[in-house]
Amino acid sequence: MKEHQILDPEEYRHIVINSNDFISAQEIEQADAASFLYQSGYLTIEKKEEQLLTLDYPNREVKNSLSSMYLKLIYRVEGYALLGNEIWKALRQGDIAEIVRLYNIALAGVAYEDYGKNRNEFWYRSMFVMLLRGAGIISNSEPHTSKGRADVVIQFKNLVVVLEFKISKTSAGVEQMKRLGAQQIKERGYADVYSGDGREIITAVLVADAENREVR
């Protein structure tokens, strides 16, 4: 997977490519990531318009499987399925402190060189979503509203959890980023779409402290 520079699994949803860029199966070792995943059966053609192909995962199980392999082979997170399930339980209880604790356990298991050079908000959000998918759990990653997209929304029968991910280069800036994230959730109405259905709504901002490699 590393040899093909495969990105986060979420990056390949509805990806549009030129069919001329596909190569033969005999050249799969030299394939780019999208071609490799297509020829390996992880992606299928969702739509075709002349030379343009839109690719996506054939089903949820395949997408979850790729997330599992990513956690195991790329980031080498031990016990990722158990951690994902425990995070899910904490989400169901609305226990943000426990969610942060468990997520930091997963992050602590990632070797420094496996973090990559561009550890941004997307990286931390993607890792969180992959933990859930690696455990076979569905989450709404970046659901749209009229004013933007919430990072992650988890829906239960009686509860909705809206999460926003931010990053601070220093520990001193974490609280400021929390305030900015909370303001963003409010101004863009990420939780408003669920306000009329009678469920409890919990919103939280998870800030990655890049200085200490942890989420707070």
C-alpha atoms as a PDB file:
ATOM      1  CA  MET A   1       0.000   0.000   0.000  1.00  0.00           C
ATOM      2  CA  LYS A   2       2.803   2.391   0.821  1.00  0.00           C
ATOM      3  CA  GLU A   3       4.438   1.662  -2.535  1.00  0.00           C
ATOM      4  CA  HIS A   4       1.326   2.928  -4.300  1.00  0.00           C
ATOM      5  CA  GLN A   5       1.042   6.014  -2.066  1.00  0.00           C
ATOM      6  CA  ILE A   6      -2.559   5.202  -1.188  1.00  0.00           C
ATOM      7  CA  LEU A   7      -4.313   8.111   0.497  1.00  0.00           C
ATOM      8  CA  ASP A   8      -6.923   7.992   3.205  1.00  0.00           C
ATOM      9  CA  PRO A   9      -9.789   5.683   2.138  1.00  0.00           C
ATOM     10  CA  GLU A  10     -12.235   8.605   2.206  1.00  0.00           C
ATOM     11  CA  GLU A  11     -10.288  10.254  -0.630  1.00  0.00           C
ATOM     12  CA  TYR A  12     -11.466   7.667  -3.145  1.00  0.00           C
ATOM     13  CA  ARG A  13     -15.193   8.117  -2.724  1.00  0.00           C
ATOM     14  CA  HIS A  14     -16.668   9.329  -6.026  1.00  0.00           C
ATOM     15  CA  ILE A  15     -13.200  10.039  -7.391  1.00  0.00           C
ATOM     16  CA  VAL A  16     -13.206  11.057 -11.074  1.00  0.00           C
ATOM     17  CA  ILE A  17     -10.422   9.836 -13.341  1.00  0.00           C
ATOM     18  CA  ASN A  18      -9.678   9.599 -17.047  1.00  0.00           C
ATOM     19  CA  SER A  19     -10.079   6.065 -18.374  1.00  0.00           C
ATOM     20  CA  ASN A  20      -6.957   6.577 -20.475  1.00  0.00           C
ATOM     21  CA  ASP A  21      -4.984   6.745 -17.249  1.00  0.00           C
ATOM     22  CA  PHE A  22      -5.820   3.135 -16.444  1.00  0.00           C
ATOM     23  CA  ILE A  23      -3.076   0.674 -17.177  1.00  0.00           C
ATOM     24  CA  SER A  24      -3.088  -3.022 -17.912  1.00  0.00           C
ATOM     25  CA  ALA A  25      -3.118  -5.620 -15.161  1.00  0.00           C
ATOM     26  CA  GLN A  26       0.384  -6.630 -16.182  1.00  0.00           C
ATOM     27  CA  GLU A  27       1.624  -3.224 -15.040  1.00  0.00           C
ATOM     28  CA  ILE A  28      -0.220  -3.134 -11.724  1.00  0.00           C
ATOM     29  CA  GLU A  29       2.979  -2.727  -9.699  1.00  0.00           C
ATOM     30  CA  GLN A  30       3.545   0.602 -11.476  1.00  0.00           C
ATOM     31  CA  ALA A  31      -0.087   1.698 -11.200  1.00  0.00           C
ATOM     32  CA  ASP A  32      -1.171   4.878  -9.504  1.00  0.00           C
ATOM     33  CA  ALA A  33      -3.295   4.486  -6.381  1.00  0.00           C
ATOM     34  CA  ALA A  34      -6.717   4.694  -8.056  1.00  0.00           C
ATOM     35  CA  SER A  35      -5.779   2.180 -10.766  1.00  0.00           C
ATOM     36  CA  PHE A  36      -4.289  -0.150  -8.189  1.00  0.00           C
ATOM     37  CA  LEU A  37      -7.400  -0.053  -5.993  1.00  0.00           C
ATOM     38  CA  TYR A  38      -9.676  -0.546  -9.017  1.00  0.00           C
ATOM     39  CA  GLN A  39      -7.733  -3.512 -10.346  1.00  0.00           C
ATOM     40  CA  SER A  40      -7.506  -4.972  -6.841  1.00  0.00           C
ATOM     41  CA  GLY A  41     -11.287  -4.873  -6.511  1.00  0.00           C
ATOM     42  CA  TYR A  42     -11.538  -2.170  -3.858  1.00  0.00           C
ATOM     43  CA  LEU A  43     -13.067   0.365  -6.237  1.00  0.00           C
ATOM     44  CA  THR A  44     -15.704  -0.096  -8.915  1.00  0.00           C
ATOM     45  CA  ILE A  45     -17.065   2.132 -11.680  1.00  0.00           C
ATOM     46  CA  GLU A  46     -19.982   4.138 -10.357  1.00  0.00           C
ATOM     47  CA  LYS A  47     -20.592   6.206 -13.489  1.00  0.00           C
ATOM     48  CA  LYS A  48     -19.055   6.644 -16.938  1.00  0.00           C
ATOM     49  CA  GLU A  49     -19.239   9.739 -19.119  1.00  0.00           C
ATOM     50  CA  GLU A  50     -17.207   9.402 -22.295  1.00  0.00           C
ATOM     51  CA  GLN A  51     -13.590   9.094 -21.067  1.00  0.00           C
ATOM     52  CA  LEU A  52     -14.335  10.089 -17.467  1.00  0.00           C
ATOM     53  CA  LEU A  53     -14.942   7.414 -14.868  1.00  0.00           C
ATOM     54  CA  THR A  54     -16.367   7.992 -11.401  1.00  0.00           C
ATOM     55  CA  LEU A  55     -15.134   5.371  -8.949  1.00  0.00           C
ATOM     56  CA  ASP A  56     -16.449   4.367  -5.539  1.00  0.00           C
ATOM     57  CA  TYR A  57     -16.433   1.418  -3.167  1.00  0.00           C
ATOM     58  CA  PRO A  58     -18.816  -1.385  -4.205  1.00  0.00           C
ATOM     59  CA  ASN A  59     -20.156  -1.702  -0.665  1.00  0.00           C
ATOM     60  CA  ARG A  60     -19.586  -0.736   2.963  1.00  0.00           C
ATOM     61  CA  GLU A  61     -17.711  -3.936   3.751  1.00  0.00           C
ATOM     62  CA  VAL A  62     -15.018  -3.231   1.169  1.00  0.00           C
ATOM     63  CA  LYS A  63     -14.583   0.326   2.408  1.00  0.00           C
ATOM     64  CA  ASN A  64     -14.292  -0.866   5.999  1.00  0.00           C
ATOM     65  CA  SER A  65     -11.815  -3.529   4.917  1.00  0.00           C
ATOM     66  CA  LEU A  66      -9.546  -0.926   3.327  1.00  0.00           C
ATOM     67  CA  SER A  67      -9.709   1.168   6.490  1.00  0.00           C
ATOM     68  CA  SER A  68      -8.708  -1.902   8.507  1.00  0.00           C
ATOM     69  CA  MET A  69      -5.736  -2.596   6.253  1.00  0.00           C
ATOM     70  CA  TYR A  70      -4.726   1.048   6.413  1.00  0.00           C
ATOM     71  CA  LEU A  71      -4.708   1.011  10.217  1.00  0.00           C
ATOM     72  CA  LYS A  72      -2.855  -2.295  10.315  1.00  0.00           C
ATOM     73  CA  LEU A  73      -0.287  -1.853   7.520  1.00  0.00           C
ATOM     74  CA  ILE A  74       0.239   1.899   7.270  1.00  0.00           C
ATOM     75  CA  TYR A  75      -0.216   3.201  10.809  1.00  0.00           C
ATOM     76  CA  ARG A  76       0.244  -0.117  12.619  1.00  0.00           C
ATOM     77  CA  VAL A  77      -2.374   0.644  15.269  1.00  0.00           C
ATOM     78  CA  GLU A  78      -2.637  -2.355  17.564  1.00  0.00           C
ATOM     79  CA  GLY A  79      -6.112  -3.338  18.684  1.00  0.00           C
ATOM     80  CA  TYR A  80      -7.769  -0.867  16.311  1.00  0.00           C
ATOM     81  CA  ALA A  81     -11.033  -2.834  16.145  1.00  0.00           C
ATOM     82  CA  LEU A  82     -11.384  -2.892  19.936  1.00  0.00           C
ATOM     83  CA  LEU A  83     -10.521   0.807  20.176  1.00  0.00           C
ATOM     84  CA  GLY A  84     -13.063   1.620  17.478  1.00  0.00           C
ATOM     85  CA  ASN A  85     -15.758  -0.287  19.315  1.00  0.00           C
ATOM     86  CA  GLU A  86     -14.908   1.400  22.613  1.00  0.00           C
ATOM     87  CA  ILE A  87     -15.019   4.824  20.949  1.00  0.00           C
ATOM     88  CA  TRP A  88     -18.416   3.899  19.544  1.00  0.00           C
ATOM     89  CA  LYS A  89     -19.691   3.000  23.012  1.00  0.00           C
ATOM     90  CA  ALA A  90     -18.409   6.317  24.370  1.00  0.00           C
ATOM     91  CA  LEU A  91     -20.118   8.149  21.497  1.00  0.00           C
ATOM     92  CA  ARG A  92     -23.386   6.383  22.279  1.00  0.00           C
ATOM     93  CA  GLN A  93     -23.081   7.605  25.873  1.00  0.00           C
ATOM     94  CA  GLY A  94     -22.078  11.110  24.812  1.00  0.00           C
ATOM     95  CA  ASP A  95     -18.870  10.798  26.832  1.00  0.00           C
ATOM     96  CA  ILE A  96     -16.520  13.189  25.063  1.00  0.00           C
ATOM     97  CA  ALA A  97     -13.758  12.856  27.661  1.00  0.00           C
ATOM     98  CA  GLU A  98     -13.671   9.080  27.140  1.00  0.00           C
ATOM     99  CA  ILE A  99     -13.678   9.517  23.368  1.00  0.00           C
ATOM    100  CA  VAL A 100     -10.620  11.766  23.631  1.00  0.00           C
ATOM    101  CA  ARG A 101      -8.865   9.328  25.963  1.00  0.00           C
ATOM    102  CA  LEU A 102      -9.412   6.359  23.658  1.00  0.00           C
ATOM    103  CA  TYR A 103      -8.448   8.290  20.547  1.00  0.00           C
ATOM    104  CA  ASN A 104      -5.193   9.336  22.176  1.00  0.00           C
ATOM    105  CA  ILE A 105      -4.422   5.686  22.917  1.00  0.00           C
ATOM    106  CA  ALA A 106      -4.693   5.005  19.185  1.00  0.00           C
ATOM    107  CA  LEU A 107      -2.547   8.016  18.300  1.00  0.00           C
ATOM    108  CA  ALA A 108       0.114   6.995  20.816  1.00  0.00           C
ATOM    109  CA  GLY A 109       0.550   3.731  18.940  1.00  0.00           C
ATOM    110  CA  VAL A 110       1.420   5.441  15.658  1.00  0.00           C
ATOM    111  CA  ALA A 111       5.157   5.698  15.057  1.00  0.00           C
ATOM    112  CA  TYR A 112       6.390   9.227  14.457  1.00  0.00           C
ATOM    113  CA  GLU A 113       7.603   8.440  10.943  1.00  0.00           C
ATOM    114  CA  ASP A 114       4.160   7.079  10.061  1.00  0.00           C
ATOM    115  CA  TYR A 115       2.398  10.328  10.898  1.00  0.00           C
ATOM    116  CA  GLY A 116       3.409  11.749   7.534  1.00  0.00           C
ATOM    117  CA  LYS A 117       4.625  15.224   6.742  1.00  0.00           C
ATOM    118  CA  ASN A 118       1.242  16.924   6.513  1.00  0.00           C
ATOM    119  CA  ARG A 119      -0.511  16.201   9.769  1.00  0.00           C
ATOM    120  CA  ASN A 120      -3.460  18.563   9.473  1.00  0.00           C
ATOM    121  CA  GLU A 121      -7.086  18.591  10.594  1.00  0.00           C
ATOM    122  CA  PHE A 122      -7.981  16.205   7.778  1.00  0.00           C
ATOM    123  CA  TRP A 123      -5.406  13.655   8.975  1.00  0.00           C
ATOM    124  CA  TYR A 124      -6.772  13.596  12.522  1.00  0.00           C
ATOM    125  CA  ARG A 125     -10.384  13.441  11.320  1.00  0.00           C
ATOM    126  CA  SER A 126      -9.548  10.670   8.867  1.00  0.00           C
ATOM    127  CA  MET A 127      -7.784   8.594  11.506  1.00  0.00           C
ATOM    128  CA  PHE A 128     -10.835   8.912  13.758  1.00  0.00           C
ATOM    129  CA  VAL A 129     -13.216   7.844  10.987  1.00  0.00           C
ATOM    130  CA  MET A 130     -10.951   4.943  10.010  1.00  0.00           C
ATOM    131  CA  LEU A 131     -11.020   3.647  13.589  1.00  0.00           C
ATOM    132  CA  LEU A 132     -14.804   3.503  13.396  1.00  0.00           C
ATOM    133  CA  ARG A 133     -14.829   1.954   9.930  1.00  0.00           C
ATOM    134  CA  GLY A 134     -12.079  -0.483  10.879  1.00  0.00           C
ATOM    135  CA  ALA A 135     -14.396  -1.737  13.588  1.00  0.00           C
ATOM    136  CA  GLY A 136     -17.183  -2.086  11.017  1.00  0.00           C
ATOM    137  CA  ILE A 137     -19.069   0.983  12.228  1.00  0.00           C
ATOM    138  CA  ILE A 138     -20.689   3.631  10.032  1.00  0.00           C
ATOM    139  CA  SER A 139     -20.196   7.344  10.603  1.00  0.00           C
ATOM    140  CA  ASN A 140     -21.285  10.358   8.589  1.00  0.00           C
ATOM    141  CA  SER A 141     -17.988  11.918   7.592  1.00  0.00           C
ATOM    142  CA  GLU A 142     -18.307  15.550   6.514  1.00  0.00           C
ATOM    143  CA  PRO A 143     -22.100  15.653   6.031  1.00  0.00           C
ATOM    144  CA  HIS A 144     -23.248  18.763   4.154  1.00  0.00           C
ATOM    145  CA  THR A 145     -25.353  21.633   5.455  1.00  0.00           C
ATOM    146  CA  SER A 146     -26.362  24.759   3.558  1.00  0.00           C
ATOM    147  CA  LYS A 147     -23.437  26.657   5.120  1.00  0.00           C
ATOM    148  CA  GLY A 148     -20.710  24.042   5.059  1.00  0.00           C
ATOM    149  CA  ARG A 149     -19.778  20.568   6.259  1.00  0.00           C
ATOM    150  CA  ALA A 150     -19.470  19.182   9.753  1.00  0.00           C
ATOM    151  CA  ASP A 151     -16.428  16.934  10.108  1.00  0.00           C
ATOM    152  CA  VAL A 152     -18.161  13.935  11.689  1.00  0.00           C
ATOM    153  CA  VAL A 153     -21.766  13.320  12.710  1.00  0.00           C
ATOM    154  CA  ILE A 154     -22.797  10.173  14.591  1.00  0.00           C
ATOM    155  CA  GLN A 155     -26.514   9.481  14.893  1.00  0.00           C
ATOM    156  CA  PHE A 156     -28.199   7.254  17.442  1.00  0.00           C
ATOM    157  CA  LYS A 157     -31.870   6.704  18.170  1.00  0.00           C
ATOM    158  CA  ASN A 158     -31.963   9.302  20.950  1.00  0.00           C
ATOM    159  CA  LEU A 159     -28.688  11.174  20.416  1.00  0.00           C
ATOM    160  CA  VAL A 160     -26.733  13.038  17.744  1.00  0.00           C
ATOM    161  CA  VAL A 161     -23.025  13.765  18.230  1.00  0.00           C
ATOM    162  CA  VAL A 162     -21.456  16.480  16.064  1.00  0.00           C
ATOM    163  CA  LEU A 163     -17.660  16.613  16.065  1.00  0.00           C
ATOM    164  CA  GLU A 164     -15.376  19.260  14.621  1.00  0.00           C
ATOM    165  CA  PHE A 165     -11.619  18.685  14.328  1.00  0.00           C
ATOM    166  CA  LYS A 166      -9.047  21.454  14.621  1.00  0.00           C
ATOM    167  CA  ILE A 167      -5.279  21.542  14.979  1.00  0.00           C
ATOM    168  CA  SER A 168      -3.029  23.806  17.020  1.00  0.00           C
ATOM    169  CA  LYS A 169       0.694  24.010  16.361  1.00  0.00           C
ATOM    170  CA  THR A 170       1.329  24.693  20.038  1.00  0.00           C
ATOM    171  CA  SER A 171      -0.223  23.590  23.322  1.00  0.00           C
ATOM    172  CA  ALA A 172      -0.879  27.220  24.192  1.00  0.00           C
ATOM    173  CA  GLY A 173      -3.193  27.624  21.213  1.00  0.00           C
ATOM    174  CA  VAL A 174      -5.508  24.681  21.962  1.00  0.00           C
ATOM    175  CA  GLU A 175      -8.162  26.630  23.865  1.00  0.00           C
ATOM    176  CA  GLN A 176      -8.346  29.284  21.177  1.00  0.00           C
ATOM    177  CA  MET A 177      -8.916  26.621  18.529  1.00  0.00           C
ATOM    178  CA  LYS A 178     -11.640  25.077  20.689  1.00  0.00           C
ATOM    179  CA  ARG A 179     -13.422  28.430  20.774  1.00  0.00           C
ATOM    180  CA  LEU A 180     -13.037  28.860  17.020  1.00  0.00           C
ATOM    181  CA  GLY A 181     -14.398  25.360  16.400  1.00  0.00           C
ATOM    182  CA  ALA A 182     -17.397  25.931  18.675  1.00  0.00           C
ATOM    183  CA  GLN A 183     -18.102  29.218  16.919  1.00  0.00           C
ATOM    184  CA  GLN A 184     -17.921  27.475  13.543  1.00  0.00           C
ATOM    185  CA  ILE A 185     -20.395  24.787  14.618  1.00  0.00           C
ATOM    186  CA  LYS A 186     -22.825  27.467  15.804  1.00  0.00           C
ATOM    187  CA  GLU A 187     -22.480  29.935  12.901  1.00  0.00           C
ATOM    188  CA  ARG A 188     -22.706  27.266  10.208  1.00  0.00           C
ATOM    189  CA  GLY A 189     -25.568  25.439  11.846  1.00  0.00           C
ATOM    190  CA  TYR A 190     -23.994  22.003  11.833  1.00  0.00           C
ATOM    191  CA  ALA A 191     -26.326  20.820  14.602  1.00  0.00           C
ATOM    192  CA  ASP A 192     -29.392  22.802  13.542  1.00  0.00           C
ATOM    193  CA  VAL A 193     -30.480  20.268  10.939  1.00  0.00           C
ATOM    194  CA  TYR A 194     -31.140  17.779  13.762  1.00  0.00           C
ATOM    195  CA  SER A 195     -32.746  20.191  16.233  1.00  0.00           C
ATOM    196  CA  GLY A 196     -36.349  19.428  15.310  1.00  0.00           C
ATOM    197  CA  ASP A 197     -36.433  15.665  15.714  1.00  0.00           C
ATOM    198  CA  GLY A 198     -36.460  15.478  19.517  1.00  0.00           C
ATOM    199  CA  ARG A 199     -33.059  13.883  19.974  1.00  0.00           C
ATOM    200  CA  GLU A 200     -30.397  15.166  22.336  1.00  0.00           C
ATOM    201  CA  ILE A 201     -27.582  16.914  20.459  1.00  0.00           C
ATOM    202  CA  ILE A 202     -24.003  17.022  21.700  1.00  0.00           C
ATOM    203  CA  THR A 203     -21.389  19.098  19.929  1.00  0.00           C
ATOM    204  CA  ALA A 204     -17.666  18.960  20.621  1.00  0.00           C
ATOM    205  CA  VAL A 205     -14.426  20.296  19.203  1.00  0.00           C
ATOM    206  CA  LEU A 206     -11.439  17.946  19.226  1.00  0.00           C
ATOM    207  CA  VAL A 207      -8.207  19.892  18.909  1.00  0.00           C
ATOM    208  CA  ALA A 208      -5.007  18.144  17.900  1.00  0.00           C
ATOM    209  CA  ASP A 209      -2.071  19.472  19.885  1.00  0.00           C
ATOM    210  CA  ALA A 210       0.661  19.057  17.260  1.00  0.00           C
ATOM    211  CA  GLU A 211       3.351  19.923  19.775  1.00  0.00           C
ATOM    212  CA  ASN A 212       2.512  16.939  21.983  1.00  0.00           C
ATOM    213  CA  ARG A 213       0.898  14.689  19.351  1.00  0.00           C
ATOM    214  CA  GLU A 214      -2.369  14.293  21.205  1.00  0.00           C
ATOM    215  CA  VAL A 215      -5.985  15.388  20.954  1.00  0.00           C
ATOM    216  CA  ARG A 216      -7.560  17.530  23.633  1.00  0.00           C
END
